[in-house]
């Protein structure tokens, strides 16, 4: 992403990439990549976003404390932790 991008909405575009490799610029505030083929773990720097929707992808891992609701994360292969159900041991 560029350092000038403020909003990125790309829901339902069959995008396939590792979310951990995405560079989230300091100016980005809104990110909607829901309903794609995105995989990997959620990077820590998404916490600074104003709006996030990564629902219905192939993300995995435990969520860190977040201000976003469960609807931002539902429908992924194996995301867990608040606001989603707890991770299984």
Foldseek 3Di string as FASTA:
>chain_A
DDQPDAEDADEQDQDEDEQVPDDDHPNHAYYHHDHYAYEEEHDPVCQRHNYAAHEQYAYADEDDDHPDQCRSHYNYDHYADPPHHHHDD
